[in-house]
Every structure is written in structure tokens, then in C-alpha cells.
C-alpha atoms as a PDB file:
ATOM      1  CA  MET A   1       0.000   0.000   0.000  1.00  0.00           C
ATOM      2  CA  ALA A   2       2.888   2.361   0.727  1.00  0.00           C
ATOM      3  CA  ALA A   3       4.308   1.657  -2.747  1.00  0.00           C
ATOM      4  CA  THR A   4       0.968   2.402  -4.414  1.00  0.00           C
ATOM      5  CA  PHE A   5       0.706   5.648  -2.452  1.00  0.00           C
ATOM      6  CA  CYS A   6       4.179   6.676  -3.655  1.00  0.00           C
ATOM      7  CA  TRP A   7       3.299   5.889  -7.268  1.00  0.00           C
ATOM      8  CA  GLY A   8      -0.062   7.607  -6.975  1.00  0.00           C
ATOM      9  CA  THR A   9       1.404  10.823  -5.578  1.00  0.00           C
ATOM     10  CA  SER A  10       4.345  10.994  -8.008  1.00  0.00           C
ATOM     11  CA  ALA A  11       2.145  12.426 -10.799  1.00  0.00           C
ATOM     12  CA  SER A  12       1.192  15.429  -8.673  1.00  0.00           C
ATOM     13  CA  LEU A  13       4.775  15.935  -7.489  1.00  0.00           C
ATOM     14  CA  SER A  14       6.071  15.880 -11.045  1.00  0.00           C
ATOM     15  CA  LYS A  15       3.249  18.101 -12.282  1.00  0.00           C
ATOM     16  CA  PHE A  16       4.218  20.760  -9.724  1.00  0.00           C
ATOM     17  CA  SER A  17       7.928  20.480 -10.610  1.00  0.00           C
ATOM     18  CA  LEU A  18       7.159  21.067 -14.292  1.00  0.00           C
ATOM     19  CA  THR A  19       6.551  24.717 -13.417  1.00  0.00           C
ATOM     20  CA  ALA A  20      10.329  25.128 -13.078  1.00  0.00           C
ATOM     21  CA  PHE A  21      11.821  22.266 -15.131  1.00  0.00           C
ATOM     22  CA  GLY A  22      11.442  21.050 -18.697  1.00  0.00           C
ATOM     23  CA  PRO A  23       9.942  17.540 -18.944  1.00  0.00           C
ATOM     24  CA  MET A  24      13.161  15.747 -19.919  1.00  0.00           C
ATOM     25  CA  THR A  25      15.249  17.784 -17.500  1.00  0.00           C
ATOM     26  CA  LEU A  26      12.908  16.870 -14.651  1.00  0.00           C
ATOM     27  CA  LEU A  27      12.930  13.201 -15.627  1.00  0.00           C
ATOM     28  CA  THR A  28      16.737  13.190 -15.773  1.00  0.00           C
ATOM     29  CA  VAL A  29      16.936  14.821 -12.338  1.00  0.00           C
ATOM     30  CA  ASP A  30      14.449  12.313 -10.909  1.00  0.00           C
ATOM     31  CA  LEU A  31      16.245   9.299 -12.393  1.00  0.00           C
ATOM     32  CA  ALA A  32      19.636  10.586 -11.211  1.00  0.00           C
ATOM     33  CA  ILE A  33      18.280  10.942  -7.663  1.00  0.00           C
ATOM     34  CA  ALA A  34      16.668   7.496  -7.759  1.00  0.00           C
ATOM     35  CA  THR A  35      19.756   5.851  -9.262  1.00  0.00           C
ATOM     36  CA  ALA A  36      22.034   7.422  -6.636  1.00  0.00           C
ATOM     37  CA  ALA A  37      19.719   6.237  -3.850  1.00  0.00           C
ATOM     38  CA  LEU A  38      19.465   2.685  -5.209  1.00  0.00           C
ATOM     39  CA  TRP A  39      23.212   2.349  -5.715  1.00  0.00           C
ATOM     40  CA  THR A  40      23.901   3.708  -2.238  1.00  0.00           C
ATOM     41  CA  VAL A  41      21.681   1.011  -0.752  1.00  0.00           C
ATOM     42  CA  LEU A  42      23.175  -1.640  -3.052  1.00  0.00           C
ATOM     43  CA  LEU A  43      26.770  -0.798  -2.168  1.00  0.00           C
ATOM     44  CA  LEU A  44      25.970  -0.709   1.540  1.00  0.00           C
ATOM     45  CA  ARG A  45      24.246  -4.069   1.265  1.00  0.00           C
ATOM     46  CA  HIS A  46      27.086  -5.726  -0.629  1.00  0.00           C
ATOM     47  CA  ARG A  47      29.838  -3.824   1.204  1.00  0.00           C
ATOM     48  CA  SER A  48      31.025  -1.905  -1.860  1.00  0.00           C
ATOM     49  CA  ARG A  49      31.038  -5.047  -4.044  1.00  0.00           C
ATOM     50  CA  PRO A  50      27.741  -5.322  -5.963  1.00  0.00           C
ATOM     51  CA  GLN A  51      26.660  -8.631  -7.436  1.00  0.00           C
ATOM     52  CA  PRO A  52      28.292  -9.237 -10.874  1.00  0.00           C
ATOM     53  CA  VAL A  53      25.848  -9.072 -13.807  1.00  0.00           C
ATOM     54  CA  VAL A  54      28.174  -9.411 -16.812  1.00  0.00           C
ATOM     55  CA  ALA A  55      26.128 -12.210 -18.370  1.00  0.00           C
ATOM     56  CA  ASP A  56      22.904 -10.207 -18.054  1.00  0.00           C
ATOM     57  CA  ARG A  57      24.060  -6.745 -19.172  1.00  0.00           C
ATOM     58  CA  GLY A  58      22.119  -6.844 -22.438  1.00  0.00           C
ATOM     59  CA  ARG A  59      18.841  -7.785 -20.798  1.00  0.00           C
ATOM     60  CA  LEU A  60      19.331  -5.219 -18.044  1.00  0.00           C
ATOM     61  CA  ALA A  61      19.967  -2.559 -20.703  1.00  0.00           C
ATOM     62  CA  VAL A  62      16.688  -3.474 -22.452  1.00  0.00           C
ATOM     63  CA  LEU A  63      14.864  -3.305 -19.113  1.00  0.00           C
ATOM     64  CA  GLY A  64      16.332   0.118 -18.418  1.00  0.00           C
ATOM     65  CA  LEU A  65      15.397   1.360 -21.890  1.00  0.00           C
ATOM     66  CA  LEU A  66      11.773   0.246 -21.498  1.00  0.00           C
ATOM     67  CA  GLN A  67      11.435   1.282 -17.859  1.00  0.00           C
ATOM     68  CA  PRO A  68      12.283   3.777 -16.523  1.00  0.00           C
ATOM     69  CA  CYS A  69      13.470   5.482 -19.762  1.00  0.00           C
ATOM     70  CA  LEU A  70      10.658   5.110 -22.329  1.00  0.00           C
ATOM     71  CA  THR A  71       7.961   4.573 -19.714  1.00  0.00           C
ATOM     72  CA  TYR A  72       8.647   7.785 -17.858  1.00  0.00           C
ATOM     73  CA  VAL A  73       9.462   9.773 -21.004  1.00  0.00           C
ATOM     74  CA  GLY A  74       5.861   9.130 -22.023  1.00  0.00           C
ATOM     75  CA  MET A  75       4.504   9.698 -18.526  1.00  0.00           C
ATOM     76  CA  ILE A  76       6.304  12.912 -17.632  1.00  0.00           C
ATOM     77  CA  TRP A  77       6.145  14.443 -21.122  1.00  0.00           C
ATOM     78  CA  GLY A  78       2.467  13.646 -21.134  1.00  0.00           C
ATOM     79  CA  LEU A  79       2.065  15.486 -17.833  1.00  0.00           C
ATOM     80  CA  ALA A  80       3.112  18.668 -19.611  1.00  0.00           C
ATOM     81  CA  TYR A  81      -0.096  18.435 -21.697  1.00  0.00           C
ATOM     82  CA  THR A  82      -2.620  16.725 -19.415  1.00  0.00           C
ATOM     83  CA  SER A  83      -3.772  16.788 -15.790  1.00  0.00           C
ATOM     84  CA  ALA A  84      -2.156  14.772 -13.014  1.00  0.00           C
ATOM     85  CA  SER A  85      -5.468  13.037 -12.288  1.00  0.00           C
ATOM     86  CA  ASN A  86      -5.842  11.919 -15.925  1.00  0.00           C
ATOM     87  CA  ALA A  87      -2.249  10.666 -15.932  1.00  0.00           C
ATOM     88  CA  ALA A  88      -2.782   8.699 -12.711  1.00  0.00           C
ATOM     89  CA  VAL A  89      -5.833   6.905 -14.124  1.00  0.00           C
ATOM     90  CA  LEU A  90      -4.450   6.269 -17.614  1.00  0.00           C
ATOM     91  CA  ALA A  91      -1.164   4.901 -16.262  1.00  0.00           C
ATOM     92  CA  ASP A  92      -3.180   2.087 -14.685  1.00  0.00           C
ATOM     93  CA  THR A  93      -3.826   0.657 -18.176  1.00  0.00           C
ATOM     94  CA  GLU A  94      -0.383  -0.976 -17.980  1.00  0.00           C
ATOM     95  CA  SER A  95      -1.784  -4.280 -16.692  1.00  0.00           C
ATOM     96  CA  PHE A  96      -4.078  -4.564 -19.704  1.00  0.00           C
ATOM     97  CA  PHE A  97      -1.267  -3.914 -22.168  1.00  0.00           C
ATOM     98  CA  VAL A  98       0.628  -6.737 -20.451  1.00  0.00           C
ATOM     99  CA  VAL A  99      -2.286  -9.040 -21.242  1.00  0.00           C
ATOM    100  CA  LEU A 100      -2.385  -7.977 -24.898  1.00  0.00           C
ATOM    101  CA  LEU A 101       1.368  -8.337 -25.376  1.00  0.00           C
ATOM    102  CA  ALA A 102       1.316 -11.742 -23.675  1.00  0.00           C
ATOM    103  CA  ALA A 103      -1.421 -12.863 -26.075  1.00  0.00           C
ATOM    104  CA  VAL A 104       0.535 -11.631 -29.116  1.00  0.00           C
ATOM    105  CA  PHE A 105       4.076 -12.670 -28.206  1.00  0.00           C
ATOM    106  CA  LEU A 106       3.495 -15.537 -25.761  1.00  0.00           C
ATOM    107  CA  ARG A 107       0.326 -16.898 -27.404  1.00  0.00           C
ATOM    108  CA  GLU A 108      -1.596 -16.905 -24.152  1.00  0.00           C
ATOM    109  CA  ARG A 109      -5.359 -17.360 -24.624  1.00  0.00           C
ATOM    110  CA  LEU A 110      -7.639 -14.447 -23.711  1.00  0.00           C
ATOM    111  CA  THR A 111     -10.739 -15.329 -21.686  1.00  0.00           C
ATOM    112  CA  ALA A 112     -14.129 -13.652 -22.102  1.00  0.00           C
ATOM    113  CA  ARG A 113     -13.708 -11.904 -18.750  1.00  0.00           C
ATOM    114  CA  VAL A 114     -10.342 -10.457 -19.745  1.00  0.00           C
ATOM    115  CA  LEU A 115     -11.753  -9.236 -23.069  1.00  0.00           C
ATOM    116  CA  LEU A 116     -14.606  -7.560 -21.186  1.00  0.00           C
ATOM    117  CA  CYS A 117     -12.105  -5.754 -18.959  1.00  0.00           C
ATOM    118  CA  LEU A 118     -10.086  -4.649 -21.983  1.00  0.00           C
ATOM    119  CA  GLY A 119     -13.235  -3.265 -23.576  1.00  0.00           C
ATOM    120  CA  LEU A 120     -14.115  -1.348 -20.413  1.00  0.00           C
ATOM    121  CA  THR A 121     -10.608   0.103 -20.304  1.00  0.00           C
ATOM    122  CA  VAL A 122     -10.878   1.391 -23.889  1.00  0.00           C
ATOM    123  CA  THR A 123     -14.285   2.855 -23.070  1.00  0.00           C
ATOM    124  CA  GLY A 124     -12.918   4.554 -19.954  1.00  0.00           C
ATOM    125  CA  VAL A 125     -10.026   6.089 -21.885  1.00  0.00           C
ATOM    126  CA  TRP A 126     -12.464   7.344 -24.548  1.00  0.00           C
ATOM    127  CA  LEU A 127     -14.610   8.948 -21.835  1.00  0.00           C
ATOM    128  CA  LEU A 128     -11.545  10.573 -20.294  1.00  0.00           C
ATOM    129  CA  GLU A 129     -10.923  12.129 -23.693  1.00  0.00           C
ATOM    130  CA  GLY A 130     -14.334  13.808 -23.477  1.00  0.00           C
ATOM    131  CA  GLY A 131     -16.544  11.214 -25.137  1.00  0.00           C
ATOM    132  CA  LEU A 132     -18.324  12.320 -28.280  1.00  0.00           C
ATOM    133  CA  GLY A 133     -17.280  15.937 -27.810  1.00  0.00           C
ATOM    134  CA  GLY A 134     -13.607  15.268 -27.171  1.00  0.00           C
ATOM    135  CA  GLY A 135     -10.618  15.180 -29.465  1.00  0.00           C
ATOM    136  CA  LEU A 136      -7.208  13.550 -29.352  1.00  0.00           C
ATOM    137  CA  HIS A 137      -5.265  14.801 -26.334  1.00  0.00           C
ATOM    138  CA  LEU A 138      -1.506  14.618 -26.872  1.00  0.00           C
ATOM    139  CA  GLY A 139      -0.742  14.391 -23.142  1.00  0.00           C
ATOM    140  CA  ASP A 140      -3.088  11.455 -22.584  1.00  0.00           C
ATOM    141  CA  ALA A 141      -1.680   9.662 -25.650  1.00  0.00           C
ATOM    142  CA  LEU A 142       1.867  10.046 -24.309  1.00  0.00           C
ATOM    143  CA  VAL A 143       0.852   8.673 -20.895  1.00  0.00           C
ATOM    144  CA  VAL A 144      -0.777   5.642 -22.535  1.00  0.00           C
ATOM    145  CA  ALA A 145       2.368   5.131 -24.648  1.00  0.00           C
ATOM    146  CA  GLY A 146       4.390   5.135 -21.436  1.00  0.00           C
ATOM    147  CA  ALA A 147       2.077   2.490 -19.991  1.00  0.00           C
ATOM    148  CA  LEU A 148       2.624   0.401 -23.137  1.00  0.00           C
ATOM    149  CA  ALA A 149       6.408   0.612 -22.671  1.00  0.00           C
ATOM    150  CA  ALA A 150       5.979  -0.469 -19.052  1.00  0.00           C
ATOM    151  CA  ALA A 151       3.979  -3.474 -20.232  1.00  0.00           C
ATOM    152  CA  GLY A 152       6.793  -4.390 -22.606  1.00  0.00           C
ATOM    153  CA  TYR A 153       9.150  -4.197 -19.651  1.00  0.00           C
ATOM    154  CA  ALA A 154       6.973  -6.681 -17.732  1.00  0.00           C
ATOM    155  CA  ILE A 155       7.081  -9.166 -20.621  1.00  0.00           C
ATOM    156  CA  VAL A 156      10.899  -9.006 -20.742  1.00  0.00           C
ATOM    157  CA  ALA A 157      11.373  -8.942 -16.964  1.00  0.00           C
ATOM    158  CA  LYS A 158       9.272 -12.021 -16.237  1.00  0.00           C
ATOM    159  CA  ALA A 159      11.923 -14.252 -17.812  1.00  0.00           C
ATOM    160  CA  PHE A 160      14.805 -12.585 -15.997  1.00  0.00           C
ATOM    161  CA  PRO A 161      17.124 -15.188 -14.429  1.00  0.00           C
ATOM    162  CA  PRO A 162      16.614 -15.586 -10.665  1.00  0.00           C
ATOM    163  CA  ARG A 163      20.368 -15.478 -10.042  1.00  0.00           C
ATOM    164  CA  VAL A 164      20.133 -11.655  -9.941  1.00  0.00           C
ATOM    165  CA  ASP A 165      18.459 -10.367  -6.775  1.00  0.00           C
ATOM    166  CA  THR A 166      15.746  -7.713  -6.900  1.00  0.00           C
ATOM    167  CA  LEU A 167      17.805  -4.814  -5.527  1.00  0.00           C
ATOM    168  CA  THR A 168      20.677  -5.473  -7.930  1.00  0.00           C
ATOM    169  CA  MET A 169      18.340  -5.769 -10.918  1.00  0.00           C
ATOM    170  CA  THR A 170      16.537  -2.535 -10.013  1.00  0.00           C
ATOM    171  CA  ALA A 171      19.774  -0.593  -9.446  1.00  0.00           C
ATOM    172  CA  TYR A 172      21.289  -1.653 -12.780  1.00  0.00           C
ATOM    173  CA  GLN A 173      17.950  -1.137 -14.530  1.00  0.00           C
ATOM    174  CA  PHE A 174      17.805   2.482 -13.363  1.00  0.00           C
ATOM    175  CA  LEU A 175      21.471   3.063 -14.234  1.00  0.00           C
ATOM    176  CA  PHE A 176      20.952   1.870 -17.820  1.00  0.00           C
ATOM    177  CA  GLY A 177      17.715   3.855 -18.037  1.00  0.00           C
ATOM    178  CA  LEU A 178      19.555   7.019 -17.006  1.00  0.00           C
ATOM    179  CA  LEU A 179      22.303   6.340 -19.556  1.00  0.00           C
ATOM    180  CA  CYS A 180      19.692   5.884 -22.309  1.00  0.00           C
ATOM    181  CA  LEU A 181      17.956   9.130 -21.386  1.00  0.00           C
ATOM    182  CA  ALA A 182      21.071  11.277 -20.969  1.00  0.00           C
ATOM    183  CA  PRO A 183      21.851  11.821 -24.721  1.00  0.00           C
ATOM    184  CA  LEU A 184      18.309  13.063 -25.402  1.00  0.00           C
ATOM    185  CA  THR A 185      18.392  15.464 -22.461  1.00  0.00           C
ATOM    186  CA  ILE A 186      21.855  16.774 -23.374  1.00  0.00           C
ATOM    187  CA  ALA A 187      20.672  17.357 -26.960  1.00  0.00           C
ATOM    188  CA  LEU A 188      17.722  19.392 -25.640  1.00  0.00           C
ATOM    189  CA  TRP A 189      20.086  21.475 -23.471  1.00  0.00           C
ATOM    190  CA  VAL A 190      22.491  22.108 -26.369  1.00  0.00           C
ATOM    191  CA  SER A 191      19.650  23.114 -28.713  1.00  0.00           C
ATOM    192  CA  GLY A 192      18.202  25.430 -26.087  1.00  0.00           C
ATOM    193  CA  ARG A 193      14.797  23.729 -26.089  1.00  0.00           C
ATOM    194  CA  GLU A 194      15.226  23.057 -22.367  1.00  0.00           C
ATOM    195  CA  GLN A 195      17.355  24.828 -19.791  1.00  0.00           C
ATOM    196  CA  LEU A 196      20.020  23.336 -17.577  1.00  0.00           C
ATOM    197  CA  PRO A 197      18.745  22.817 -14.012  1.00  0.00           C
ATOM    198  CA  GLY A 198      19.753  25.794 -11.908  1.00  0.00           C
ATOM    199  CA  PRO A 199      18.705  27.539  -8.691  1.00  0.00           C
ATOM    200  CA  ALA A 200      15.032  27.282  -9.537  1.00  0.00           C
ATOM    201  CA  ASP A 201      12.155  27.605  -7.118  1.00  0.00           C
ATOM    202  CA  PRO A 202      13.170  25.701  -3.938  1.00  0.00           C
ATOM    203  CA  ALA A 203       9.682  24.192  -3.742  1.00  0.00           C
ATOM    204  CA  ALA A 204      10.058  22.806  -7.286  1.00  0.00           C
ATOM    205  CA  TRP A 205      13.440  21.297  -6.384  1.00  0.00           C
ATOM    206  CA  GLY A 206      11.921  19.797  -3.244  1.00  0.00           C
ATOM    207  CA  THR A 207       9.113  18.114  -5.156  1.00  0.00           C
ATOM    208  CA  ALA A 208      11.588  16.924  -7.795  1.00  0.00           C
ATOM    209  CA  VAL A 209      13.712  15.252  -5.107  1.00  0.00           C
ATOM    210  CA  ALA A 210      10.582  13.783  -3.501  1.00  0.00           C
ATOM    211  CA  ALA A 211       9.405  12.431  -6.857  1.00  0.00           C
ATOM    212  CA  GLY A 212      12.816  10.856  -7.519  1.00  0.00           C
ATOM    213  CA  LEU A 213      12.919   9.167  -4.135  1.00  0.00           C
ATOM    214  CA  LEU A 214       9.265   8.274  -3.593  1.00  0.00           C
ATOM    215  CA  GLY A 215       7.973   7.836  -7.138  1.00  0.00           C
ATOM    216  CA  TYR A 216      10.995   5.896  -8.402  1.00  0.00           C
ATOM    217  CA  ALA A 217      13.491   4.402  -5.934  1.00  0.00           C
ATOM    218  CA  VAL A 218      11.395   3.876  -2.777  1.00  0.00           C
ATOM    219  CA  SER A 219       8.249   2.732  -4.578  1.00  0.00           C
ATOM    220  CA  PHE A 220      10.103   0.059  -6.590  1.00  0.00           C
ATOM    221  CA  LEU A 221      11.902  -1.250  -3.513  1.00  0.00           C
ATOM    222  CA  LEU A 222       8.746  -1.257  -1.383  1.00  0.00           C
ATOM    223  CA  PHE A 223       6.744  -3.134  -3.976  1.00  0.00           C
ATOM    224  CA  ASN A 224       9.456  -5.703  -4.692  1.00  0.00           C
ATOM    225  CA  TYR A 225       9.941  -6.282  -0.963  1.00  0.00           C
ATOM    226  CA  GLY A 226       6.194  -6.612  -0.383  1.00  0.00           C
ATOM    227  CA  LEU A 227       5.815  -8.999  -3.315  1.00  0.00           C
ATOM    228  CA  ALA A 228       8.187 -11.403  -1.576  1.00  0.00           C
ATOM    229  CA  ALA A 229       5.973 -11.427   1.537  1.00  0.00           C
ATOM    230  CA  ILE A 230       2.403 -11.596   0.166  1.00  0.00           C
ATOM    231  CA  PRO A 231       0.733 -13.472  -2.726  1.00  0.00           C
ATOM    232  CA  ALA A 232       1.124 -11.882  -6.152  1.00  0.00           C
ATOM    233  CA  GLY A 233      -2.656 -11.687  -6.594  1.00  0.00           C
ATOM    234  CA  GLU A 234      -3.002  -9.649  -3.422  1.00  0.00           C
ATOM    235  CA  ALA A 235      -0.179  -7.344  -4.531  1.00  0.00           C
ATOM    236  CA  GLY A 236      -1.863  -6.893  -7.896  1.00  0.00           C
ATOM    237  CA  MET A 237      -5.134  -5.960  -6.202  1.00  0.00           C
ATOM    238  CA  LEU A 238      -3.368  -3.336  -4.073  1.00  0.00           C
ATOM    239  CA  LEU A 239      -1.963  -1.743  -7.231  1.00  0.00           C
ATOM    240  CA  ASN A 240      -5.511  -0.719  -8.098  1.00  0.00           C
ATOM    241  CA  LEU A 241      -5.133   1.960  -5.428  1.00  0.00           C
ATOM    242  CA  ILE A 242      -2.663   3.912  -7.603  1.00  0.00           C
ATOM    243  CA  PRO A 243      -5.282   5.885  -9.575  1.00  0.00           C
ATOM    244  CA  VAL A 244      -7.358   6.374  -6.408  1.00  0.00           C
ATOM    245  CA  PHE A 245      -4.395   7.933  -4.595  1.00  0.00           C
ATOM    246  CA  GLY A 246      -3.327   9.811  -7.727  1.00  0.00           C
ATOM    247  CA  VAL A 247      -6.680  11.485  -8.372  1.00  0.00           C
ATOM    248  CA  ALA A 248      -7.225  12.271  -4.679  1.00  0.00           C
ATOM    249  CA  VAL A 249      -3.795  13.877  -4.268  1.00  0.00           C
ATOM    250  CA  ALA A 250      -4.165  15.859  -7.520  1.00  0.00           C
ATOM    251  CA  MET A 251      -7.514  17.255  -6.390  1.00  0.00           C
ATOM    252  CA  VAL A 252      -6.239  18.187  -2.916  1.00  0.00           C
ATOM    253  CA  SER A 253      -2.754  19.483  -3.734  1.00  0.00           C
ATOM    254  CA  LEU A 254      -3.233  20.934  -7.226  1.00  0.00           C
ATOM    255  CA  GLY A 255      -6.884  21.914  -7.024  1.00  0.00           C
ATOM    256  CA  GLU A 256      -7.758  19.880 -10.099  1.00  0.00           C
ATOM    257  CA  ARG A 257     -11.431  19.157 -10.770  1.00  0.00           C
ATOM    258  CA  LEU A 258     -12.877  16.454 -12.983  1.00  0.00           C
ATOM    259  CA  THR A 259     -15.599  17.012 -15.567  1.00  0.00           C
ATOM    260  CA  PRO A 260     -18.577  14.601 -15.623  1.00  0.00           C
ATOM    261  CA  TRP A 261     -17.044  12.844 -18.648  1.00  0.00           C
ATOM    262  CA  GLU A 262     -13.732  12.447 -16.822  1.00  0.00           C
ATOM    263  CA  VAL A 263     -15.407  11.168 -13.643  1.00  0.00           C
ATOM    264  CA  THR A 264     -17.264   8.556 -15.674  1.00  0.00           C
ATOM    265  CA  GLY A 265     -14.098   7.566 -17.514  1.00  0.00           C
ATOM    266  CA  ALA A 266     -12.059   7.311 -14.313  1.00  0.00           C
ATOM    267  CA  VAL A 267     -14.715   5.158 -12.635  1.00  0.00           C
ATOM    268  CA  THR A 268     -14.890   2.931 -15.728  1.00  0.00           C
ATOM    269  CA  VAL A 269     -11.124   2.411 -15.862  1.00  0.00           C
ATOM    270  CA  VAL A 270     -10.828   1.700 -12.135  1.00  0.00           C
ATOM    271  CA  GLY A 271     -13.895  -0.563 -12.278  1.00  0.00           C
ATOM    272  CA  SER A 272     -12.410  -2.564 -15.132  1.00  0.00           C
ATOM    273  CA  VAL A 273      -9.212  -3.048 -13.141  1.00  0.00           C
ATOM    274  CA  LEU A 274     -11.198  -4.252 -10.122  1.00  0.00           C
ATOM    275  CA  LEU A 275     -13.115  -6.694 -12.356  1.00  0.00           C
ATOM    276  CA  PHE A 276      -9.896  -8.047 -13.829  1.00  0.00           C
ATOM    277  CA  PRO A 277      -9.237 -11.701 -12.793  1.00  0.00           C
ATOM    278  CA  ARG A 278      -6.696 -12.066 -10.021  1.00  0.00           C
ATOM    279  CA  THR A 279      -6.272 -15.801  -9.449  1.00  0.00           C
ATOM    280  CA  ARG A 280      -3.885 -18.019 -11.345  1.00  0.00           C
ATOM    281  CA  SER A 281      -6.740 -20.180 -12.658  1.00  0.00           C
ATOM    282  CA  ASP A 282      -8.649 -17.152 -13.986  1.00  0.00           C
ATOM    283  CA  LEU A 283      -5.782 -15.325 -15.653  1.00  0.00           C
ATOM    284  CA  LEU A 284      -4.989 -16.516 -19.182  1.00  0.00           C
ATOM    285  CA  GLU A 285      -4.076 -20.072 -18.186  1.00  0.00           C
ATOM    286  CA  VAL A 286      -0.750 -18.814 -16.905  1.00  0.00           C
ATOM    287  CA  GLU A 287       1.954 -21.344 -16.219  1.00  0.00           C
ATOM    288  CA  VAL A 288       4.099 -20.458 -13.256  1.00  0.00           C
ATOM    289  CA  ALA A 289       7.656 -21.735 -13.270  1.00  0.00           C
ATOM    290  CA  ASP A 290       7.619 -25.011 -11.369  1.00  0.00           C
ATOM    291  CA  LYS A 291      11.311 -25.718 -11.263  1.00  0.00           C
ATOM    292  CA  ALA A 292      13.062 -25.049  -7.992  1.00  0.00           C
ATOM    293  CA  VAL A 293      15.647 -22.308  -8.047  1.00  0.00           C
ATOM    294  CA  PRO A 294      18.993 -23.575  -6.742  1.00  0.00           C
ATOM    295  CA  GLY A 295      19.942 -22.122  -3.399  1.00  0.00           C
ATOM    296  CA  LEU A 296      16.468 -20.878  -2.452  1.00  0.00           C
ATOM    297  CA  GLY A 297      14.602 -22.013   0.635  1.00  0.00           C
ATOM    298  CA  ASP A 298      10.859 -22.664   0.748  1.00  0.00           C
ATOM    299  CA  ARG A 299       9.936 -19.041   1.533  1.00  0.00           C
ATOM    300  CA  GLU A 300      12.297 -17.655  -1.096  1.00  0.00           C
ATOM    301  CA  GLN A 301      11.023 -20.160  -3.693  1.00  0.00           C
ATOM    302  CA  ASP A 302       7.402 -19.162  -2.973  1.00  0.00           C
ATOM    303  CA  ALA A 303       8.370 -15.499  -3.342  1.00  0.00           C
ATOM    304  CA  SER A 304      10.089 -16.242  -6.658  1.00  0.00           C
ATOM    305  CA  ASP A 305       6.993 -18.030  -7.991  1.00  0.00           C
ATOM    306  CA  ASP A 306       4.748 -15.183  -6.829  1.00  0.00           C
ATOM    307  CA  ARG A 307       6.998 -12.649  -8.552  1.00  0.00           C
ATOM    308  CA  VAL A 308       6.820 -14.566 -11.852  1.00  0.00           C
ATOM    309  CA  CYS A 309       3.019 -14.821 -11.571  1.00  0.00           C
ATOM    310  CA  GLY A 310       2.719 -11.133 -10.731  1.00  0.00           C
ATOM    311  CA  GLN A 311       4.830 -10.074 -13.692  1.00  0.00           C
ATOM    312  CA  ARG A 312       2.742 -12.177 -16.079  1.00  0.00           C
END
């Protein structure tokens, strides 16, 4: 629940920081803060000798490119053109993109219940766009594109070898994501389209630091830690709180108000997520890895199986 609160509030924090930072500059600052925090924890944990990942560098680089790089490029750039409440709700479509990609690339069969949920999600997004009287909103489209990149990350990450622990994977993932983003941000600085971060509004810097820590580093660590302690289905259900927290915080902190169309769309999207099947038997006939992982005890093996199920 703490992780979902961090993710839900990050949209409002970033939206406020955009008053003083360009979108890519803010994202680079946030990722740099998160990467520094994760590596500090990693080095302290491994006593300055992090776990070697030479054999998995390519896969870690792909993970970093998909998330946080492409995912948050879409999310934070989209925030420059849409409301924080819209972004919080639309970002929750990630789980449905995972289902679609799994059906296309993994040939997993879609059930009638899953198709119903997908239809409700599309309807909710259409209502958020204003229904019959709305047009294409660039910000919302960018947020949905970010959710699609995050879904691609989940497809790649679910087959990640268990020899790399969660903290190590997350730290390297964020490092590669920052390295992928850096050339784009530098190009924007050189061209003058965005300004180098300077002594901007202290409040904007404070929210940028908070977004980097809470919305990136802390939230990922909290969720991965919690996933090892509770069933994946329960963790997935708790993730439905992200748009609830996101909309509530945006309305309280930013004074945002939803139109009747947007309220209907938000309720439809959240309702479709709540209707989505949560058990292993209901969800796409998923096969969870049944081979024991060498060196893991019973509790660690259960956590590994839950993590695979949750990612699928």
C-alpha cells in the first residue's frame, strides 16, 4: 500500500515540478536521484562489491530502456499536456497492455472476462478524452504510450534469471535507463529547447527530489519487498489503489477538478481493473515456473513463484 501511495502521488509531485523544469530535465533529475539512492543502498548491502551481472548486461539494458526510460518519457512528457489526475488513471492501463502483449508474443489465450475488462478500459479512456465531444489529447496519448512501454518491460522482466536479486536488478535497470535518457536530455540542453537545471524555485526542487525518491526508488523497492511477503494476486489488487491515490492527491494538492465525462471515464477504468481476474486459474491459463531455483529455501522459492506470476 505504501508503494501504491508513492506511485499515486508521483504524478502530482512531477506536475508541480514542471513549473520550473522542462519535462526531460525533470525526468533526468528524478532518475539521477533514484539511481544514486538505489546504488547507495546496493553498495551498503554488498559492502562496496555489488553482485556481478556481466552475463545479463544486455537484458538489463533493455529493461532500463523500457522502464524507466521510455515509460517515464511518455509519462512525464504527457504530464506537460494533461492533468495529473488523468495521468494517474491512464497509467493504470499498464496491466491490460501486459495481457495484450502476452497474447501476441506468448500466445496466451484471452478469456471472455479479460476481453470484457479490456473493452471497459478502452471505453474509460475514450470517456476521459471527453466522449463524443472530445478530441485527441496529446498528453493522454503520451501517458498511454508510457504504460505500453511499461507493459513491454513486464514481458521481458518475467523471464529474468533468478540469479540476480531484486535490488541489484533494479539498481542496474535504473542506471541503464539514465544512460539511455542522458543523450536526449543533453541534446535538448544544447539546442536550447530546455534549460540546464539551476537555482530554480526551492519548492520545485523539493518536489523533484521527492518524486525521484518516492515515485521511483522507494516505490520500486517497497513493492518488490512486499511482493516477496504476500501473494502476487493480493499485490496486484493493491496496485488498483494507484489511480485512487493519484486522483485524490491531484484534487487536494493541485486543485484539479474532474468534468462529468472524466469522472465517468475514471470510474470505468478503475472498475475494469477491479473486475480483472486475479487468481492463477482465472488469468490466461498462466503457467508459473515449477522448477526449484537452486539455493532458495521454501519461503524464497514461494516469493520467486509469486513474482513470476505477478509479472505475467
